[in-house]
Amino acid sequence: MKLEEAKRDFYRRRARAEGYRSRASYKLLEAVKRYKLINRGDRVIDLGAAPGGWVQVASDAVGTSGLVIGVDVDPVELDLSNARTLQIDINDRSLLETIKTLLPSGADVILSDLSPNISGAWDLDHYRQIELTLRSLQLCDIFLRASGNAMFKVFEGERFGELRKEVGRRFRTVTIMKPKASRRESSEIYLVCLDRLG
């Protein structure tokens, strides 16, 4: 077995053993531990929430006094007292009203693990993924409080610089992170964004 395959299997087995929906949970766990991305009592919006691993991690991090809202076009069913999931497209106008109802004071953290349906045409996939992330950034403009934090998945490519510039205009600190649970050959990276300017 190749080293990379062994690594994938390790995180899959670990996720099953620890009750997480996917190995992607460890990407967020690493950011929470390393950067204090989410704190007790926080209100969190998770965009691209299916299958629910990030909702689980965020739910643990915010504790009983916090709230996590997971959003995805696919259903996410979790029995967590401090989490709600919404089956809706992030471009649907009704999403704004729903979130305003659930989080009238806005969010402390916004997470985006959004990815398009992969076509195999890299330029197209990269373009679509950046568009999803820019939409997440627009939702930060609406819902994320001043000094709040965010984390965005990004596909590396031609438009990365454009996105990095937009993120840099909004946050005091932006760190590029390649989580240990990511495949080495994957073009995905994460932008960990702290202290929204405001």
Foldseek 3Di string as FASTA:
>chain_A
DDPLVVLLVVLQVVCVVVVAPHSCLQVVVVCCVPPVQAAALFEEEEEQQPQPRVVVSNDVHNDPNYAYEYEECDDHDDDGPRYHYDNDDLPDPVVVVVVCVVCVPFGQEYEYPDFDDDPVPVVVRQVVQLVVVVSSVVVCVVGHDAQGWYKYKHQDDDCPVVSVVVLVVFAPDWDKADGPSDRPPGRIIMITGGGTHD
